[in-house]
Structure formats: structure tokens, C-alpha cells
């Protein structure tokens, strides 16, 4: 039985609300703002640039003096602006987490890196974004489903319809290459895996790795590609994370129909197949003809 904490109130024991991970993280990100961190940072920066009189006493200087009275010390003032910018980024990151929009966070972390690099006079990253295998798998599912949306709803089907598998692989690679580069994800097309070649491997180091196999619905091995081929690639690469993509542009083989039956029968038993993404690349009518 899972442990559920309780707290005592005037009316007896009451179940204590446990915040979700996202609620907890947002609260921690916003904690500094609630504690008037700007005031603390102001005194912290001043401490690094304190001037002393000949008798050893401190000559007080504040950020506000520099700002409002024109006693401009570029180094102090730039530091102050940078710290203010970090606080603004902190709130933006909190909003992203609250909306569970994690992909855009990378750009905010890069801004934090840039500011800290300037303040501390160093170039190494304080926030290297490395995804574990679960995060990489989740991110990749999101990106491939965005690709699916482009094909089915934004007209990209025109470049895939009735095209050979190799052409579809190139379009898929082009769609995911840029975002992979931005997030420092290595995308290897058709690397040799054991005795065969998997279509793609996405990775961030040896511990975070996802195999992606792409097939057309016209392939006579559309079912075996999932039940046998992809599983063998995962075994060879020592990872349990794989995604199977099938592009359907019409005239599917019976193997593709068997794959759909496998999915439907599994759903009736309560199973889900998020790792199988079926993409409809058949011709679409324009809205004016509907």
C-alpha cells in the first residue's frame, strides 16, 4: 500500500496534499522572487566592488547611486543588469515548466549560461542540458508527432505521397536535424547495428539512446519491422527505447493491415503503443472542396 502522509488539524487527521513534480519545481523557481532576491543581489554585487578610504573605512556605494546620480561604473552597472535579467529568465522558466513546455527551456538556460559566463569571467556551461533516456524518448515522440502534423495537416504529404522509402527518410531527417542540433542531440542516419542498418539513432551519450525505424505501408514487412526488426536493433544497441514510424500514402500491403489489427487488439486489452506512429500521407482535399 502506498504511503500517504497525514497532518493533524482541529478536526482530526486530514490527508495532506502532495504537490506534483511540476508544482514543486515551479514553487522552487519562484521562491527567490518571493524572498525579494533583487535586494539580496544588490548587496551581494556591491560587496564585490566596495571601495575603502585611506583609514580603512568603507566608502559606501549603491547600485541606485550609480543608476540615478550618474556615478557610472560600467562593470557594476552591467553586473546589476545581468542579475536582473537572470531573475526575469527564472520567471520565464517557471512559466514554461508550469505549461509543461520543456523544449523551449533550452534557450532560456543558454541565456543563463551567457549571463553567468559574463559575470564570472568564464566560458564553461553551468547548465548543460543532457536528457536521460526517458526524457530523450519523450522529446523524440513529441518531435515525430509534430512531423506527423506537418504531413497530415500542413501539406507536407505532397512531398511524401507515392515516394520511395529512401526519399521519405531524407525528408524525415531534414525535419528533425535542425532541432536535434539545437538541443545537442546526435542523429545518426542508417548506422550499422549488429548485422543490419537501423534507419536512425538519436542519442546524447551512451546512456541516452533511441532507435527509430521508418517503413512505408507498401512494405511487405510493415508488421515484422515492429515485431522483429526494431526489437533486434534495440538488443544490439543495448537500449529498450525505440520508435516505429509508418508512412501511409495509399495501396498498403496486407502486412500494414496486420500491424493496425495488432494495435487495435492491444488497445481492447488496455495496452497502448505510443512508440508506433502511423502517418497518413495520402492526398488531402483542399478546404474549399470539402
Protein backbone atom coordinates (compact mmCIF):
# COMPACT_ATOMS: atom_id res chain seq x y z
CA UNK A 1 0.00 0.00 0.00
CA UNK A 2 1.46 3.41 -0.92
CA UNK A 3 2.38 5.74 1.90
CA UNK A 4 0.03 8.73 2.22
CA UNK A 5 1.13 11.40 4.71
CA UNK A 6 -1.42 12.95 7.06
CA UNK A 7 -1.42 16.08 9.13
CA UNK A 8 -3.32 16.84 12.34
CA UNK A 9 -5.92 19.59 12.36
CA UNK A 10 -8.59 20.63 14.81
CA UNK A 11 -10.99 18.07 13.36
CA UNK A 12 -8.54 15.17 13.42
CA UNK A 13 -6.42 13.56 10.77
CA UNK A 14 -6.62 15.05 7.28
CA UNK A 15 -4.93 13.83 4.15
CA UNK A 16 -2.01 16.07 3.25
CA UNK A 17 -1.89 17.28 -0.34
CA UNK A 18 1.27 16.13 -2.09
CA UNK A 19 2.34 18.55 -4.84
CA UNK A 20 3.17 17.16 -8.24
CA UNK A 21 6.74 17.39 -9.50
CA UNK A 22 5.78 20.30 -11.76
CA UNK A 23 4.11 22.21 -8.90
CA UNK A 24 7.16 21.60 -6.70
CA UNK A 25 9.60 22.79 -9.39
CA UNK A 26 7.60 25.93 -10.18
CA UNK A 27 7.42 26.78 -6.47
CA UNK A 28 11.20 26.40 -6.11
CA UNK A 29 11.86 28.53 -9.18
CA UNK A 30 9.66 31.31 -7.86
CA UNK A 31 10.90 31.08 -4.26
CA UNK A 32 13.72 33.55 -4.80
CA UNK A 33 11.36 36.14 -6.23
CA UNK A 34 9.08 35.82 -3.21
CA UNK A 35 12.09 36.44 -0.92
CA UNK A 36 12.90 39.77 -2.60
CA UNK A 37 16.06 38.38 -4.14
CA UNK A 38 16.76 41.60 -6.01
CA UNK A 39 17.56 43.31 -2.71
CA UNK A 40 19.91 40.49 -1.74
CA UNK A 41 21.68 40.52 -5.12
CA UNK A 42 22.11 44.26 -4.90
CA UNK A 43 24.07 43.96 -1.65
CA UNK A 44 25.97 40.94 -2.99
CA UNK A 45 27.18 42.83 -6.06
CA UNK A 46 28.14 45.86 -4.00
CA UNK A 47 30.32 43.64 -1.83
CA UNK A 48 32.48 42.74 -4.79
CA UNK A 49 33.08 46.37 -5.75
CA UNK A 50 33.46 48.06 -2.35
CA UNK A 51 35.90 50.97 -2.14
CA UNK A 52 37.86 51.73 1.04
CA UNK A 53 39.06 55.06 2.36
CA UNK A 54 42.68 55.59 3.45
CA UNK A 55 41.75 54.92 7.08
CA UNK A 56 40.26 51.58 6.11
CA UNK A 57 36.64 52.60 6.43
CA UNK A 58 34.19 51.55 3.74
CA UNK A 59 33.12 54.10 1.19
CA UNK A 60 29.52 53.07 0.58
CA UNK A 61 28.30 52.86 -2.98
CA UNK A 62 24.94 51.50 -4.08
CA UNK A 63 23.50 50.41 -7.36
CA UNK A 64 20.87 53.12 -7.08
CA UNK A 65 23.58 55.79 -6.65
CA UNK A 66 25.15 54.65 -9.88
CA UNK A 67 21.81 54.46 -11.64
CA UNK A 68 20.26 57.75 -10.56
CA UNK A 69 23.19 60.03 -9.80
CA UNK A 70 25.27 59.31 -12.85
CA UNK A 71 28.26 57.85 -10.99
CA UNK A 72 28.51 55.23 -13.69
CA UNK A 73 30.79 52.31 -13.08
CA UNK A 74 30.27 50.17 -16.16
CA UNK A 75 31.32 46.93 -14.50
CA UNK A 76 28.99 47.28 -11.53
CA UNK A 77 26.05 48.51 -13.53
CA UNK A 78 26.41 45.78 -16.18
CA UNK A 79 26.55 43.17 -13.44
CA UNK A 80 23.39 44.54 -11.89
CA UNK A 81 21.54 44.47 -15.22
CA UNK A 82 22.73 40.93 -15.84
CA UNK A 83 21.45 39.72 -12.47
CA UNK A 84 18.11 41.43 -13.10
CA UNK A 85 17.97 39.62 -16.42
CA UNK A 86 18.62 36.29 -14.69
CA UNK A 87 15.64 36.92 -12.40
CA UNK A 88 13.43 37.58 -15.42
CA UNK A 89 14.63 34.37 -17.06
CA UNK A 90 13.86 32.47 -13.85
CA UNK A 91 10.22 33.55 -14.06
CA UNK A 92 10.06 32.61 -17.76
CA UNK A 93 11.43 29.15 -17.00
CA UNK A 94 8.82 28.76 -14.23
CA UNK A 95 6.06 29.59 -16.70
CA UNK A 96 7.43 27.06 -19.21
CA UNK A 97 7.53 24.33 -16.57
CA UNK A 98 4.02 25.22 -15.42
CA UNK A 99 2.80 24.77 -19.01
CA UNK A 100 4.93 21.59 -19.36
CA UNK A 101 6.63 23.16 -22.38
CA UNK A 102 10.11 21.78 -21.76
CA UNK A 103 11.61 22.02 -25.23
CA UNK A 104 11.76 25.84 -25.20
CA UNK A 105 13.58 25.85 -21.85
CA UNK A 106 16.90 25.16 -23.59
CA UNK A 107 17.06 28.72 -24.98
CA UNK A 108 16.42 30.16 -21.51
CA UNK A 109 19.18 28.04 -19.99
CA UNK A 110 21.53 29.23 -22.71
CA UNK A 111 20.76 32.84 -21.73
CA UNK A 112 21.56 31.99 -18.10
CA UNK A 113 24.85 30.47 -19.25
CA UNK A 114 25.71 33.60 -21.19
CA UNK A 115 24.99 35.88 -18.23
CA UNK A 116 26.86 33.75 -15.71
CA UNK A 117 29.74 33.43 -18.15
CA UNK A 118 29.94 37.21 -18.33
CA UNK A 119 29.63 37.74 -14.58
CA UNK A 120 32.10 35.06 -13.58
CA UNK A 121 34.50 35.65 -16.48
CA UNK A 122 34.40 32.04 -17.57
CA UNK A 123 33.02 30.25 -20.62
CA UNK A 124 32.06 26.80 -19.38
CA UNK A 125 28.39 25.94 -19.16
CA UNK A 126 26.65 25.96 -15.78
CA UNK A 127 23.51 24.34 -17.18
CA UNK A 128 24.44 21.69 -19.76
CA UNK A 129 21.11 20.21 -20.86
CA UNK A 130 21.53 16.44 -21.01
CA UNK A 131 18.45 14.29 -21.29
CA UNK A 132 18.24 10.85 -19.77
CA UNK A 133 16.77 8.05 -21.90
CA UNK A 134 13.20 8.69 -20.71
CA UNK A 135 13.44 12.42 -21.47
CA UNK A 136 15.07 11.80 -24.86
CA UNK A 137 12.36 9.28 -25.75
CA UNK A 138 9.59 11.69 -24.69
CA UNK A 139 11.17 14.59 -26.59
CA UNK A 140 11.58 12.48 -29.73
CA UNK A 141 7.95 11.33 -29.61
CA UNK A 142 6.92 14.97 -29.47
CA UNK A 143 9.08 15.92 -32.44
CA UNK A 144 7.93 12.99 -34.58
CA UNK A 145 4.29 13.77 -33.79
CA UNK A 146 4.97 17.34 -34.89
CA UNK A 147 6.34 15.89 -38.14
CA UNK A 148 3.14 13.82 -38.41
CA UNK A 149 1.10 17.04 -38.02
CA UNK A 150 3.11 18.73 -40.78
CA UNK A 151 2.43 15.82 -43.11
CA UNK A 152 -1.27 15.40 -42.37
CA UNK A 153 -2.35 19.00 -41.75
CA UNK A 154 0.24 21.32 -43.32
CA UNK A 155 0.63 19.87 -46.81
CA UNK A 156 3.91 18.01 -46.35
CA UNK A 157 2.13 14.89 -47.65
CA UNK A 158 2.72 16.29 -51.15
CA UNK A 159 6.45 15.64 -50.84
CA UNK A 160 5.93 12.08 -49.48
CA UNK A 161 2.98 10.72 -51.42
CA UNK A 162 3.92 7.78 -53.68
CA UNK A 163 7.61 8.38 -52.99
CA UNK A 164 10.15 5.61 -52.24
CA UNK A 165 11.21 4.86 -48.68
CA UNK A 166 14.65 6.43 -49.10
CA UNK A 167 13.09 9.76 -50.13
CA UNK A 168 10.80 9.70 -47.08
CA UNK A 169 13.79 9.02 -44.82
CA UNK A 170 15.56 12.09 -46.23
CA UNK A 171 12.51 14.32 -45.60
CA UNK A 172 12.19 12.92 -42.08
CA UNK A 173 15.88 13.58 -41.41
CA UNK A 174 15.62 17.13 -42.75
CA UNK A 175 12.64 17.84 -40.47
CA UNK A 176 14.42 16.64 -37.31
CA UNK A 177 18.04 17.58 -37.98
CA UNK A 178 17.85 21.26 -37.02
CA UNK A 179 16.04 20.82 -33.71
CA UNK A 180 18.38 17.93 -32.87
CA UNK A 181 21.37 20.18 -33.47
CA UNK A 182 19.91 22.95 -31.29
CA UNK A 183 19.43 20.56 -28.37
CA UNK A 184 22.78 18.84 -28.85
CA UNK A 185 21.16 15.55 -29.85
CA UNK A 186 23.22 13.36 -32.16
CA UNK A 187 21.18 12.00 -35.09
CA UNK A 188 22.87 9.17 -36.98
CA UNK A 189 21.17 8.08 -40.24
CA UNK A 190 21.46 4.39 -41.11
CA UNK A 191 24.24 3.36 -38.73
CA UNK A 192 25.19 -0.31 -38.77
CA UNK A 193 23.64 -2.16 -35.85
CA UNK A 194 24.78 -5.76 -35.49
CA UNK A 195 24.16 -7.39 -38.86
CA UNK A 196 21.79 -4.70 -40.18
CA UNK A 197 21.22 -0.96 -40.51
CA UNK A 198 18.64 0.84 -38.39
CA UNK A 199 17.22 3.94 -40.06
CA UNK A 200 18.14 6.40 -37.27
CA UNK A 201 19.75 6.51 -33.84
CA UNK A 202 19.19 9.61 -31.69
CA UNK A 203 21.47 9.93 -28.69
CA UNK A 204 23.04 12.08 -26.01
CA UNK A 205 25.93 9.98 -24.80
CA UNK A 206 25.93 6.22 -24.29
CA UNK A 207 23.19 6.19 -21.65
CA UNK A 208 20.53 8.07 -23.65
CA UNK A 209 19.79 6.38 -26.95
CA UNK A 210 16.66 5.85 -29.08
CA UNK A 211 16.43 3.75 -32.26
CA UNK A 212 13.94 4.87 -34.93
CA UNK A 213 12.82 2.62 -37.77
CA UNK A 214 10.78 4.06 -40.65
CA UNK A 215 8.70 1.99 -43.05
CA UNK A 216 6.12 2.61 -45.78
CA UNK A 217 2.70 1.00 -45.66
CA UNK A 218 3.55 -0.56 -49.03
CA UNK A 219 6.37 -2.58 -47.45
CA UNK A 220 5.68 -6.33 -47.23
CA UNK A 221 7.44 -6.22 -43.84
CA UNK A 222 5.48 -3.41 -42.19
CA UNK A 223 4.46 -5.73 -39.33
CA UNK A 224 7.79 -7.55 -38.98
CA UNK A 225 9.59 -4.21 -38.90
CA UNK A 226 7.98 -3.62 -35.50
CA UNK A 227 7.67 -7.13 -34.07
CA UNK A 228 11.12 -8.40 -35.12
CA UNK A 229 13.41 -5.88 -36.82
CA UNK A 230 13.20 -2.99 -34.35
CA UNK A 231 13.44 -5.35 -31.38
CA UNK A 232 16.67 -6.80 -32.74
CA UNK A 233 18.14 -3.31 -33.20
CA UNK A 234 17.28 -2.45 -29.59
CA UNK A 235 19.00 -5.58 -28.37
CA UNK A 236 22.12 -4.82 -30.42
CA UNK A 237 22.26 -1.22 -29.15
CA UNK A 238 21.54 -2.24 -25.51
CA UNK A 239 18.56 0.08 -25.20
CA UNK A 240 14.86 -0.56 -24.65
CA UNK A 241 13.81 2.73 -26.28
CA UNK A 242 12.67 2.53 -29.89
CA UNK A 243 10.11 4.29 -32.11
CA UNK A 244 8.45 2.76 -35.16
CA UNK A 245 7.17 5.14 -37.86
CA UNK A 246 5.00 4.03 -40.78
CA UNK A 247 4.07 6.41 -43.60
CA UNK A 248 0.88 5.50 -45.48
CA UNK A 249 0.31 7.11 -48.87
CA UNK A 250 -2.20 4.55 -50.15
CA UNK A 251 -2.26 1.00 -51.50
CA UNK A 252 -0.96 -0.58 -48.27
CA UNK A 253 0.19 -4.18 -48.18
CA UNK A 254 -1.53 -6.78 -46.01
CA UNK A 255 1.38 -6.57 -43.56
CA UNK A 256 0.41 -2.98 -42.75
CA UNK A 257 -3.20 -4.02 -42.15
CA UNK A 258 -1.95 -6.71 -39.76
CA UNK A 259 0.02 -4.06 -37.87
CA UNK A 260 -3.14 -1.99 -37.45
CA UNK A 261 -5.01 -5.08 -36.24
CA UNK A 262 -2.22 -5.70 -33.71
CA UNK A 263 -2.64 -2.16 -32.38
CA UNK A 264 -6.44 -2.34 -32.23
CA UNK A 265 -6.45 -5.71 -30.45
CA UNK A 266 -3.88 -4.41 -27.97
CA UNK A 267 -6.00 -1.33 -27.21
CA UNK A 268 -9.00 -3.56 -26.44
CA UNK A 269 -6.84 -5.23 -23.78
CA UNK A 270 -5.80 -1.90 -22.29
CA UNK A 271 -2.41 -1.66 -24.00
CA UNK A 272 -1.09 1.48 -25.67
CA UNK A 273 1.53 1.87 -28.35
CA UNK A 274 2.99 5.38 -28.10
CA UNK A 275 6.15 4.08 -29.79
CA UNK A 276 4.20 3.33 -33.00
CA UNK A 277 3.42 6.44 -35.03
CA UNK A 278 1.27 6.00 -38.14
CA UNK A 279 1.38 8.92 -40.57
CA UNK A 280 -1.27 9.47 -43.22
CA UNK A 281 0.44 10.85 -46.35
CA UNK A 282 -2.50 10.23 -48.67
CA UNK A 283 -3.79 13.14 -50.83
CA UNK A 284 -5.95 15.64 -48.94
CA UNK A 285 -8.79 17.73 -50.32
CA UNK A 286 -8.43 21.48 -50.01
CA UNK A 287 -10.90 23.12 -47.57
CA UNK A 288 -12.78 24.71 -50.47
CA UNK A 289 -13.65 21.25 -51.83
CA UNK A 290 -14.90 19.78 -48.58
